[in-house]
N, C-alpha and C. Protein backbone atom coordinates (compact mmCIF):
# COMPACT_ATOMS: atom_id res chain seq x y z
N UNK A 1 0.84 -1.18 0.00
CA UNK A 1 0.00 0.00 0.00
C UNK A 1 0.89 1.25 0.00
N UNK A 2 0.53 2.22 -0.80
CA UNK A 2 1.26 3.48 -0.80
C UNK A 2 0.40 4.55 -0.14
N UNK A 3 1.07 5.49 0.47
CA UNK A 3 0.39 6.62 1.08
C UNK A 3 0.84 7.87 0.34
N UNK A 4 -0.03 8.45 -0.49
CA UNK A 4 0.38 9.65 -1.24
C UNK A 4 0.69 10.79 -0.29
N UNK A 5 1.80 11.44 -0.53
CA UNK A 5 2.19 12.58 0.31
C UNK A 5 2.64 13.73 -0.58
N UNK A 6 2.50 14.92 -0.05
CA UNK A 6 3.00 16.12 -0.72
C UNK A 6 3.64 17.00 0.34
N UNK A 7 4.66 17.76 -0.03
CA UNK A 7 5.37 18.58 0.95
C UNK A 7 4.59 19.84 1.32
N UNK A 8 4.81 20.31 2.54
CA UNK A 8 4.31 21.62 2.96
C UNK A 8 5.17 22.08 4.13
N UNK A 9 5.43 23.36 4.21
CA UNK A 9 6.13 23.90 5.37
C UNK A 9 7.61 24.09 5.16
N UNK A 10 8.33 24.22 6.27
CA UNK A 10 9.73 24.60 6.23
C UNK A 10 10.65 23.45 5.86
N UNK A 11 11.68 23.78 5.11
CA UNK A 11 12.78 22.88 4.75
C UNK A 11 14.05 23.54 5.31
N UNK A 12 14.97 22.76 5.90
CA UNK A 12 16.19 23.39 6.44
C UNK A 12 16.89 24.27 5.40
N UNK A 13 17.30 25.44 5.86
CA UNK A 13 18.00 26.37 4.98
C UNK A 13 19.45 25.97 4.84
N UNK A 14 20.06 26.27 3.69
CA UNK A 14 21.48 25.96 3.52
C UNK A 14 22.34 26.82 4.46
N UNK A 15 23.50 26.31 4.86
CA UNK A 15 24.36 27.05 5.81
C UNK A 15 24.71 28.46 5.34
N UNK A 16 24.93 28.64 4.04
CA UNK A 16 25.28 29.98 3.54
C UNK A 16 24.15 30.98 3.80
N UNK A 17 22.90 30.54 3.59
CA UNK A 17 21.77 31.43 3.82
C UNK A 17 21.60 31.72 5.32
N UNK A 18 21.77 30.72 6.16
CA UNK A 18 21.68 30.94 7.61
C UNK A 18 22.72 31.95 8.09
N UNK A 19 23.95 31.79 7.60
CA UNK A 19 25.02 32.71 8.00
C UNK A 19 24.72 34.13 7.50
N UNK A 20 24.23 34.23 6.28
CA UNK A 20 23.93 35.54 5.71
C UNK A 20 22.77 36.21 6.45
N UNK A 21 21.77 35.44 6.88
CA UNK A 21 20.67 36.00 7.65
C UNK A 21 21.18 36.61 8.96
N UNK A 22 22.11 35.93 9.61
CA UNK A 22 22.69 36.48 10.84
C UNK A 22 23.43 37.78 10.54
N UNK A 23 24.18 37.80 9.46
CA UNK A 23 24.92 39.01 9.06
C UNK A 23 23.95 40.15 8.73
N UNK A 24 22.89 39.83 8.02
CA UNK A 24 21.91 40.84 7.63
C UNK A 24 21.25 41.45 8.86
N UNK A 25 20.84 40.60 9.81
CA UNK A 25 20.19 41.10 11.03
C UNK A 25 21.13 41.95 11.87
N UNK A 26 22.42 41.71 11.73
CA UNK A 26 23.42 42.51 12.47
C UNK A 26 23.83 43.75 11.68
N UNK A 27 23.26 43.95 10.50
CA UNK A 27 23.57 45.12 9.70
C UNK A 27 24.85 45.02 8.90
N UNK A 28 25.35 43.79 8.71
CA UNK A 28 26.63 43.61 8.01
C UNK A 28 26.48 42.98 6.63
N UNK A 29 25.24 42.87 6.12
CA UNK A 29 25.02 42.34 4.78
C UNK A 29 23.90 43.14 4.13
N UNK A 30 23.97 43.27 2.82
CA UNK A 30 22.98 44.07 2.10
C UNK A 30 21.72 43.26 1.80
N UNK A 31 20.62 43.96 1.62
CA UNK A 31 19.37 43.29 1.25
C UNK A 31 19.48 42.68 -0.14
N UNK A 32 20.29 43.27 -1.01
CA UNK A 32 20.48 42.73 -2.35
C UNK A 32 21.18 41.36 -2.29
N UNK A 33 22.22 41.28 -1.47
CA UNK A 33 22.92 40.00 -1.31
C UNK A 33 22.00 38.95 -0.70
N UNK A 34 21.22 39.35 0.30
CA UNK A 34 20.29 38.42 0.93
C UNK A 34 19.25 37.93 -0.08
N UNK A 35 18.75 38.82 -0.92
CA UNK A 35 17.75 38.43 -1.93
C UNK A 35 18.35 37.43 -2.92
N UNK A 36 19.60 37.64 -3.32
CA UNK A 36 20.26 36.74 -4.27
C UNK A 36 20.44 35.34 -3.68
N UNK A 37 20.95 35.27 -2.47
CA UNK A 37 21.21 33.97 -1.83
C UNK A 37 19.90 33.27 -1.49
N UNK A 38 18.89 34.04 -1.08
CA UNK A 38 17.58 33.46 -0.78
C UNK A 38 16.96 32.85 -2.03
N UNK A 39 17.07 33.54 -3.15
CA UNK A 39 16.51 33.00 -4.39
C UNK A 39 17.26 31.74 -4.83
N UNK A 40 18.56 31.70 -4.62
CA UNK A 40 19.32 30.48 -4.93
C UNK A 40 18.81 29.31 -4.09
N UNK A 41 18.55 29.55 -2.81
CA UNK A 41 18.03 28.49 -1.93
C UNK A 41 16.63 28.07 -2.36
N UNK A 42 15.82 29.03 -2.74
CA UNK A 42 14.47 28.72 -3.23
C UNK A 42 14.54 27.88 -4.49
N UNK A 43 15.37 28.29 -5.44
CA UNK A 43 15.51 27.55 -6.70
C UNK A 43 15.98 26.11 -6.44
N UNK A 44 16.94 25.95 -5.53
CA UNK A 44 17.46 24.62 -5.21
C UNK A 44 16.38 23.75 -4.54
N UNK A 45 15.61 24.34 -3.63
CA UNK A 45 14.54 23.59 -2.95
C UNK A 45 13.50 23.10 -3.94
N UNK A 46 13.06 23.98 -4.84
CA UNK A 46 12.07 23.59 -5.84
C UNK A 46 12.61 22.50 -6.76
N UNK A 47 13.87 22.63 -7.17
CA UNK A 47 14.47 21.62 -8.06
C UNK A 47 14.52 20.27 -7.37
N UNK A 48 14.91 20.26 -6.11
CA UNK A 48 14.99 18.98 -5.38
C UNK A 48 13.62 18.33 -5.23
N UNK A 49 12.59 19.13 -4.96
CA UNK A 49 11.23 18.57 -4.91
C UNK A 49 10.81 18.04 -6.27
N UNK A 50 11.10 18.77 -7.33
CA UNK A 50 10.77 18.29 -8.68
C UNK A 50 11.46 16.96 -8.96
N UNK A 51 12.71 16.83 -8.52
CA UNK A 51 13.47 15.61 -8.76
C UNK A 51 12.87 14.39 -8.08
N UNK A 52 12.07 14.60 -7.01
CA UNK A 52 11.44 13.46 -6.33
C UNK A 52 10.24 12.93 -7.10
N UNK A 53 9.76 13.69 -8.09
CA UNK A 53 8.57 13.29 -8.83
C UNK A 53 7.28 13.77 -8.19
N UNK A 54 7.37 14.60 -7.16
CA UNK A 54 6.17 15.11 -6.50
C UNK A 54 5.35 15.93 -7.50
N UNK A 55 4.02 15.70 -7.56
CA UNK A 55 3.20 16.46 -8.50
C UNK A 55 2.94 17.90 -8.04
N UNK A 56 3.20 18.19 -6.77
CA UNK A 56 3.02 19.52 -6.20
C UNK A 56 4.28 19.81 -5.37
N UNK A 57 4.77 21.04 -5.45
CA UNK A 57 5.99 21.40 -4.72
C UNK A 57 5.69 22.54 -3.75
N UNK A 58 6.64 22.82 -2.87
CA UNK A 58 6.54 23.95 -1.95
C UNK A 58 7.88 24.67 -1.91
N UNK A 59 7.85 25.91 -1.47
CA UNK A 59 9.08 26.71 -1.45
C UNK A 59 9.95 26.44 -0.23
N UNK A 60 9.48 25.62 0.70
CA UNK A 60 10.26 25.32 1.90
C UNK A 60 10.43 26.51 2.82
N UNK A 61 9.70 27.60 2.54
CA UNK A 61 9.77 28.84 3.31
C UNK A 61 11.19 29.39 3.37
N UNK A 62 11.94 29.18 2.29
CA UNK A 62 13.34 29.62 2.24
C UNK A 62 13.50 31.13 2.34
N UNK A 63 12.56 31.87 1.77
CA UNK A 63 12.74 33.32 1.70
C UNK A 63 11.95 34.09 2.75
N UNK A 64 11.17 33.39 3.58
CA UNK A 64 10.43 34.07 4.65
C UNK A 64 11.38 34.43 5.78
N UNK A 65 11.19 35.60 6.40
CA UNK A 65 12.02 35.92 7.57
C UNK A 65 11.78 34.94 8.71
N UNK A 66 10.55 34.41 8.80
CA UNK A 66 10.19 33.42 9.80
C UNK A 66 8.86 32.80 9.38
N UNK A 67 8.70 31.50 9.60
CA UNK A 67 7.44 30.86 9.25
C UNK A 67 6.29 31.46 10.06
N UNK A 68 6.58 31.92 11.28
CA UNK A 68 5.53 32.38 12.18
C UNK A 68 5.24 33.86 12.06
N UNK A 69 6.22 34.66 11.66
CA UNK A 69 6.04 36.11 11.74
C UNK A 69 6.18 36.84 10.41
N UNK A 70 6.14 36.10 9.28
CA UNK A 70 6.30 36.80 8.00
C UNK A 70 5.27 37.92 7.80
N UNK A 71 4.02 37.82 8.32
CA UNK A 71 3.10 38.95 8.09
C UNK A 71 3.47 40.21 8.86
N UNK A 72 4.35 40.08 9.85
CA UNK A 72 4.66 41.21 10.74
C UNK A 72 5.89 41.99 10.32
N UNK A 73 6.64 41.47 9.36
CA UNK A 73 7.91 42.08 8.97
C UNK A 73 7.71 43.52 8.52
N UNK A 74 8.33 44.44 9.26
CA UNK A 74 8.25 45.85 8.90
C UNK A 74 7.12 46.63 9.55
N UNK A 75 6.28 45.98 10.36
CA UNK A 75 5.20 46.72 11.02
C UNK A 75 5.78 47.70 12.05
N UNK A 76 5.23 48.91 12.14
CA UNK A 76 5.74 49.88 13.11
C UNK A 76 5.20 49.68 14.53
N UNK A 77 4.14 48.87 14.68
CA UNK A 77 3.48 48.75 15.99
C UNK A 77 3.75 47.40 16.66
N UNK A 78 4.99 46.93 16.57
CA UNK A 78 5.38 45.72 17.29
C UNK A 78 6.71 45.97 18.02
N UNK A 79 6.89 45.24 19.11
CA UNK A 79 8.13 45.28 19.89
C UNK A 79 8.67 43.85 19.97
N UNK A 80 9.97 43.68 20.21
CA UNK A 80 10.58 42.35 20.15
C UNK A 80 10.35 41.46 21.37
N UNK A 81 9.71 41.99 22.42
CA UNK A 81 9.66 41.27 23.70
C UNK A 81 8.32 40.57 23.96
N UNK A 82 7.84 39.80 22.99
CA UNK A 82 6.56 39.13 23.13
C UNK A 82 6.66 37.76 23.79
N UNK A 83 5.61 36.97 23.60
CA UNK A 83 5.51 35.63 24.20
C UNK A 83 6.64 34.72 23.72
N UNK A 84 7.08 33.85 24.61
CA UNK A 84 8.10 32.86 24.28
C UNK A 84 7.41 31.50 24.13
N UNK A 85 7.64 30.85 22.99
CA UNK A 85 7.09 29.52 22.74
C UNK A 85 8.20 28.51 22.94
N UNK A 86 7.94 27.49 23.75
CA UNK A 86 8.91 26.41 23.96
C UNK A 86 8.45 25.18 23.20
N UNK A 87 9.32 24.65 22.35
CA UNK A 87 8.99 23.48 21.53
C UNK A 87 9.37 22.20 22.27
N UNK A 88 8.86 21.08 21.77
CA UNK A 88 9.04 19.78 22.44
C UNK A 88 10.52 19.43 22.65
N UNK A 89 11.38 19.85 21.71
CA UNK A 89 12.81 19.51 21.84
C UNK A 89 13.56 20.47 22.75
N UNK A 90 12.84 21.45 23.31
CA UNK A 90 13.47 22.37 24.26
C UNK A 90 13.87 23.71 23.68
N UNK A 91 13.94 23.85 22.34
CA UNK A 91 14.32 25.15 21.81
C UNK A 91 13.13 26.12 21.91
N UNK A 92 13.44 27.39 21.91
CA UNK A 92 12.40 28.40 22.08
C UNK A 92 12.40 29.38 20.92
N UNK A 93 11.28 30.05 20.77
CA UNK A 93 11.16 31.13 19.78
C UNK A 93 10.35 32.24 20.43
N UNK A 94 10.88 33.46 20.38
CA UNK A 94 10.16 34.59 20.95
C UNK A 94 9.42 35.34 19.86
N UNK A 95 8.15 35.56 20.09
CA UNK A 95 7.33 36.31 19.16
C UNK A 95 7.40 37.79 19.47
N UNK A 96 7.10 38.63 18.49
CA UNK A 96 6.98 40.06 18.79
C UNK A 96 5.72 40.32 19.63
N UNK A 97 5.62 41.52 20.16
CA UNK A 97 4.46 41.95 20.94
C UNK A 97 3.80 43.13 20.22
N UNK A 98 2.50 43.04 20.04
CA UNK A 98 1.75 44.15 19.45
C UNK A 98 1.69 45.30 20.45
N UNK A 99 1.98 46.52 20.00
CA UNK A 99 2.00 47.67 20.90
C UNK A 99 0.82 48.62 20.70
N UNK A 100 0.15 48.54 19.55
CA UNK A 100 -0.97 49.44 19.26
C UNK A 100 -1.81 48.84 18.15
N UNK A 101 -3.04 49.27 18.07
CA UNK A 101 -3.92 48.84 16.99
C UNK A 101 -4.08 49.96 15.98
N UNK A 102 -4.72 49.68 14.87
CA UNK A 102 -5.29 48.40 14.50
C UNK A 102 -4.22 47.44 13.98
N UNK A 103 -4.55 46.15 13.96
CA UNK A 103 -3.62 45.14 13.46
C UNK A 103 -3.88 44.88 11.99
N UNK A 104 -2.82 44.95 11.19
CA UNK A 104 -2.87 44.62 9.77
C UNK A 104 -1.60 43.86 9.42
N UNK A 105 -1.70 42.95 8.45
CA UNK A 105 -0.50 42.29 7.94
C UNK A 105 0.31 43.29 7.13
N UNK A 106 1.62 43.19 7.22
CA UNK A 106 2.50 43.96 6.35
C UNK A 106 2.79 43.19 5.07
N UNK A 107 2.79 41.87 5.16
CA UNK A 107 3.13 41.00 4.04
C UNK A 107 2.17 39.83 4.00
N UNK A 108 1.70 39.49 2.81
CA UNK A 108 0.83 38.33 2.62
C UNK A 108 1.62 37.21 1.94
N UNK A 109 1.22 35.97 2.20
CA UNK A 109 1.97 34.80 1.72
C UNK A 109 1.99 34.68 0.20
N UNK A 110 1.06 35.34 -0.49
CA UNK A 110 1.08 35.21 -1.95
C UNK A 110 2.34 35.80 -2.57
N UNK A 111 3.02 36.69 -1.84
CA UNK A 111 4.30 37.22 -2.33
C UNK A 111 5.31 36.07 -2.51
N UNK A 112 5.33 35.15 -1.54
CA UNK A 112 6.25 34.01 -1.60
C UNK A 112 5.77 33.00 -2.63
N UNK A 113 4.47 32.84 -2.74
CA UNK A 113 3.90 31.93 -3.74
C UNK A 113 4.28 32.38 -5.15
N UNK A 114 4.11 33.66 -5.45
CA UNK A 114 4.44 34.18 -6.79
C UNK A 114 5.92 33.97 -7.11
N UNK A 115 6.78 34.18 -6.12
CA UNK A 115 8.22 34.00 -6.36
C UNK A 115 8.53 32.55 -6.72
N UNK A 116 7.89 31.61 -6.04
CA UNK A 116 8.12 30.19 -6.34
C UNK A 116 7.52 29.81 -7.69
N UNK A 117 6.35 30.33 -8.00
CA UNK A 117 5.70 30.00 -9.27
C UNK A 117 6.53 30.43 -10.47
N UNK A 118 7.32 31.47 -10.33
CA UNK A 118 8.17 31.91 -11.44
C UNK A 118 9.30 30.92 -11.74
N UNK A 119 9.59 30.03 -10.78
CA UNK A 119 10.75 29.15 -10.91
C UNK A 119 10.39 27.69 -11.15
N UNK A 120 9.10 27.38 -11.29
CA UNK A 120 8.70 26.00 -11.54
C UNK A 120 7.45 25.96 -12.40
N UNK A 121 7.28 24.87 -13.14
CA UNK A 121 6.07 24.70 -13.93
C UNK A 121 5.03 23.87 -13.17
N UNK A 122 5.40 23.34 -12.00
CA UNK A 122 4.48 22.53 -11.21
C UNK A 122 3.61 23.40 -10.31
N UNK A 123 2.45 22.87 -9.88
CA UNK A 123 1.66 23.59 -8.88
C UNK A 123 2.46 23.77 -7.59
N UNK A 124 2.26 24.89 -6.92
CA UNK A 124 3.00 25.21 -5.70
C UNK A 124 2.01 25.29 -4.53
N UNK A 125 2.36 24.62 -3.45
CA UNK A 125 1.57 24.68 -2.22
C UNK A 125 2.30 25.61 -1.25
N UNK A 126 1.58 26.60 -0.71
CA UNK A 126 2.20 27.60 0.15
C UNK A 126 1.65 27.53 1.56
N UNK A 127 2.51 27.44 2.55
CA UNK A 127 2.07 27.45 3.94
C UNK A 127 1.72 28.87 4.37
N UNK A 128 0.70 28.98 5.20
CA UNK A 128 0.33 30.26 5.80
C UNK A 128 0.27 30.06 7.31
N UNK A 129 0.59 31.10 8.05
CA UNK A 129 0.56 31.01 9.50
C UNK A 129 -0.89 31.06 9.98
N UNK A 130 -1.19 30.34 11.03
CA UNK A 130 -2.56 30.29 11.55
C UNK A 130 -2.85 31.52 12.40
N UNK A 131 -4.12 31.89 12.44
CA UNK A 131 -4.55 33.00 13.28
C UNK A 131 -4.29 32.69 14.75
N UNK A 132 -4.44 31.42 15.14
CA UNK A 132 -4.23 31.08 16.55
C UNK A 132 -2.79 31.34 16.98
N UNK A 133 -1.82 31.06 16.10
CA UNK A 133 -0.43 31.33 16.44
C UNK A 133 -0.17 32.83 16.56
N UNK A 134 -0.68 33.60 15.60
CA UNK A 134 -0.45 35.05 15.65
C UNK A 134 -1.22 35.73 16.78
N UNK A 135 -2.24 35.08 17.31
CA UNK A 135 -2.99 35.70 18.41
C UNK A 135 -2.10 35.91 19.63
N UNK A 136 -0.98 35.18 19.70
CA UNK A 136 -0.07 35.29 20.84
C UNK A 136 0.69 36.62 20.88
N UNK A 137 0.60 37.42 19.82
CA UNK A 137 1.32 38.70 19.84
C UNK A 137 0.57 39.76 20.65
N UNK A 138 -0.70 39.50 20.96
CA UNK A 138 -1.45 40.47 21.78
C UNK A 138 -1.02 40.31 23.23
N UNK A 139 -0.61 41.41 23.89
CA UNK A 139 -0.07 41.29 25.26
C UNK A 139 -1.13 40.90 26.28
N UNK A 140 -0.75 40.10 27.28
CA UNK A 140 -1.70 39.66 28.30
C UNK A 140 -2.36 40.80 29.07
N UNK A 141 -1.64 41.92 29.23
CA UNK A 141 -2.22 43.05 29.98
C UNK A 141 -2.99 44.01 29.08
N UNK A 142 -3.17 43.65 27.82
CA UNK A 142 -4.01 44.43 26.91
C UNK A 142 -3.31 45.64 26.32
N UNK A 143 -4.05 46.36 25.47
CA UNK A 143 -3.57 47.58 24.82
C UNK A 143 -4.64 48.64 25.01
N UNK A 144 -4.29 49.74 25.58
CA UNK A 144 -5.26 50.81 25.84
C UNK A 144 -5.88 51.29 24.54
N UNK A 145 -7.21 51.31 24.52
CA UNK A 145 -7.93 51.78 23.34
C UNK A 145 -8.07 50.75 22.24
N UNK A 146 -7.53 49.55 22.45
CA UNK A 146 -7.61 48.50 21.43
C UNK A 146 -7.84 47.16 22.14
N UNK A 147 -9.09 46.85 22.46
CA UNK A 147 -9.37 45.63 23.22
C UNK A 147 -9.06 44.37 22.43
N UNK A 148 -8.87 43.28 23.16
CA UNK A 148 -8.54 41.99 22.55
C UNK A 148 -9.58 41.58 21.50
N UNK A 149 -10.85 41.85 21.77
CA UNK A 149 -11.90 41.47 20.83
C UNK A 149 -11.72 42.17 19.48
N UNK A 150 -11.35 43.44 19.51
CA UNK A 150 -11.10 44.19 18.27
C UNK A 150 -9.88 43.63 17.55
N UNK A 151 -8.84 43.28 18.31
CA UNK A 151 -7.65 42.66 17.72
C UNK A 151 -8.02 41.35 17.05
N UNK A 152 -8.79 40.51 17.73
CA UNK A 152 -9.14 39.21 17.15
C UNK A 152 -9.97 39.37 15.88
N UNK A 153 -10.87 40.35 15.85
CA UNK A 153 -11.63 40.62 14.62
C UNK A 153 -10.68 40.99 13.48
N UNK A 154 -9.73 41.89 13.77
CA UNK A 154 -8.76 42.29 12.75
C UNK A 154 -7.90 41.11 12.32
N UNK A 155 -7.45 40.32 13.28
CA UNK A 155 -6.59 39.18 12.99
C UNK A 155 -7.29 38.15 12.10
N UNK A 156 -8.51 37.80 12.43
CA UNK A 156 -9.24 36.81 11.64
C UNK A 156 -9.47 37.33 10.22
N UNK A 157 -9.79 38.60 10.09
CA UNK A 157 -9.99 39.19 8.76
C UNK A 157 -8.69 39.13 7.94
N UNK A 158 -7.56 39.47 8.57
CA UNK A 158 -6.28 39.44 7.86
C UNK A 158 -5.87 38.01 7.50
N UNK A 159 -6.06 37.07 8.43
CA UNK A 159 -5.70 35.67 8.18
C UNK A 159 -6.56 35.09 7.05
N UNK A 160 -7.84 35.44 7.02
CA UNK A 160 -8.71 34.97 5.94
C UNK A 160 -8.26 35.54 4.60
N UNK A 161 -7.86 36.79 4.61
CA UNK A 161 -7.37 37.41 3.37
C UNK A 161 -6.09 36.72 2.91
N UNK A 162 -5.17 36.45 3.84
CA UNK A 162 -3.91 35.79 3.51
C UNK A 162 -4.17 34.43 2.87
N UNK A 163 -5.02 33.64 3.49
CA UNK A 163 -5.33 32.30 3.00
C UNK A 163 -6.10 32.36 1.69
N UNK A 164 -7.07 33.27 1.61
CA UNK A 164 -7.88 33.38 0.40
C UNK A 164 -7.09 33.80 -0.81
N UNK A 165 -6.17 34.74 -0.65
CA UNK A 165 -5.35 35.19 -1.77
C UNK A 165 -4.48 34.04 -2.28
N UNK A 166 -3.89 33.28 -1.38
CA UNK A 166 -3.03 32.17 -1.77
C UNK A 166 -3.84 31.10 -2.48
N UNK A 167 -5.00 30.71 -1.93
CA UNK A 167 -5.76 29.62 -2.53
C UNK A 167 -6.34 30.00 -3.88
N UNK A 168 -6.65 31.29 -4.10
CA UNK A 168 -7.11 31.71 -5.42
C UNK A 168 -5.99 31.66 -6.45
N UNK A 169 -4.76 31.87 -6.00
CA UNK A 169 -3.63 31.87 -6.94
C UNK A 169 -3.21 30.46 -7.34
N UNK A 170 -3.49 29.46 -6.53
CA UNK A 170 -3.03 28.11 -6.83
C UNK A 170 -4.11 27.09 -6.53
N UNK A 171 -5.29 27.18 -7.18
CA UNK A 171 -6.38 26.25 -6.87
C UNK A 171 -6.07 24.81 -7.25
N UNK A 172 -5.15 24.59 -8.19
CA UNK A 172 -4.85 23.23 -8.61
C UNK A 172 -4.28 22.40 -7.46
N UNK A 173 -3.56 23.03 -6.55
CA UNK A 173 -3.02 22.29 -5.40
C UNK A 173 -4.16 21.79 -4.53
N UNK A 174 -5.21 22.58 -4.37
CA UNK A 174 -6.37 22.13 -3.59
C UNK A 174 -7.05 20.97 -4.28
N UNK A 175 -7.17 21.03 -5.61
CA UNK A 175 -7.81 19.93 -6.32
C UNK A 175 -6.97 18.67 -6.22
N UNK A 176 -5.64 18.81 -6.26
CA UNK A 176 -4.76 17.66 -6.14
C UNK A 176 -4.96 16.97 -4.79
N UNK A 177 -5.02 17.75 -3.71
CA UNK A 177 -5.26 17.18 -2.38
C UNK A 177 -6.61 16.48 -2.36
N UNK A 178 -7.62 17.12 -2.94
CA UNK A 178 -8.97 16.56 -2.92
C UNK A 178 -9.00 15.19 -3.58
N UNK A 179 -8.38 15.06 -4.74
CA UNK A 179 -8.37 13.77 -5.44
C UNK A 179 -7.69 12.70 -4.62
N UNK A 180 -6.59 13.06 -3.97
CA UNK A 180 -5.82 12.06 -3.23
C UNK A 180 -6.55 11.53 -2.01
N UNK A 181 -7.39 12.35 -1.39
CA UNK A 181 -8.10 11.87 -0.21
C UNK A 181 -9.55 11.51 -0.53
N UNK A 182 -9.91 11.56 -1.82
CA UNK A 182 -11.24 11.12 -2.24
C UNK A 182 -12.35 12.09 -1.91
N UNK A 183 -12.07 13.39 -1.88
CA UNK A 183 -13.08 14.40 -1.59
C UNK A 183 -13.26 15.32 -2.77
N UNK A 184 -14.44 15.93 -2.86
CA UNK A 184 -14.65 16.98 -3.85
C UNK A 184 -13.96 18.24 -3.37
N UNK A 185 -13.42 19.03 -4.27
CA UNK A 185 -12.74 20.28 -3.88
C UNK A 185 -13.66 21.17 -3.06
N UNK A 186 -14.94 21.18 -3.40
CA UNK A 186 -15.87 22.06 -2.71
C UNK A 186 -16.09 21.67 -1.26
N UNK A 187 -15.70 20.44 -0.88
CA UNK A 187 -15.92 20.01 0.50
C UNK A 187 -14.75 20.34 1.40
N UNK A 188 -13.67 20.91 0.84
CA UNK A 188 -12.51 21.27 1.64
C UNK A 188 -12.48 22.77 1.82
N UNK A 189 -12.43 23.26 3.05
CA UNK A 189 -12.33 24.71 3.24
C UNK A 189 -11.07 25.25 2.57
N UNK A 190 -11.15 26.45 2.02
CA UNK A 190 -9.96 27.03 1.38
C UNK A 190 -8.77 27.04 2.31
N UNK A 191 -9.01 27.34 3.59
CA UNK A 191 -7.89 27.43 4.52
C UNK A 191 -7.25 26.08 4.78
N UNK A 192 -7.94 24.98 4.50
CA UNK A 192 -7.36 23.67 4.71
C UNK A 192 -6.35 23.28 3.68
N UNK A 193 -6.33 23.98 2.55
CA UNK A 193 -5.41 23.62 1.48
C UNK A 193 -4.00 24.17 1.72
N UNK A 194 -3.89 25.21 2.49
CA UNK A 194 -2.62 25.88 2.62
C UNK A 194 -2.34 26.32 4.04
N UNK A 195 -2.66 25.52 5.01
CA UNK A 195 -2.51 25.95 6.39
C UNK A 195 -1.32 25.30 7.07
N UNK A 196 -1.10 25.67 8.30
CA UNK A 196 -0.06 25.01 9.09
C UNK A 196 -0.42 23.56 9.36
N UNK A 197 -1.72 23.24 9.32
CA UNK A 197 -2.14 21.86 9.49
C UNK A 197 -2.76 21.39 8.20
N UNK A 198 -1.96 21.35 7.14
CA UNK A 198 -2.45 20.99 5.81
C UNK A 198 -2.88 19.55 5.76
N UNK A 199 -3.80 19.23 4.84
CA UNK A 199 -4.24 17.84 4.69
C UNK A 199 -3.13 16.93 4.28
């Protein structure tokens, strides 16, 4: 018996890109150099997936600043001292903290989808961060003039837009998943095709 599988989510970045990201964050590398090396990693990831014979590929999140915080990159109303998430293996990741409302995404995942689509002829599946994960950026003691309920309304609207834009750009990936699990495309929510908990 075979179990059909398709990739989604992060793929380890090459050492050169990891080193350059550290240099860039420290102000010692240019954005042009980072863009060049990131695209090389993206191109290599897509080629390797194509070589496996997979009918659908993913970008491995090579060019995202972070799988969890790509929508926040460049926002003026965040601070670096947010919630700390501890993973099962013991490593941690600190999220930013929202400092003021309203909340809007600075970047949508379709930017990464379009970049990958230019480099492959296969359908591309793009991961998007869940609203539940991003909800952790709201501080426990609240934000004056911007209640949690208003934040959650904004967050759900932005997350739906992020997911909807991506699924409209690559509907064939949703149909591919549907065929493999024996469902009609219309029975799968759009967000299920490209989420952190993909089918």
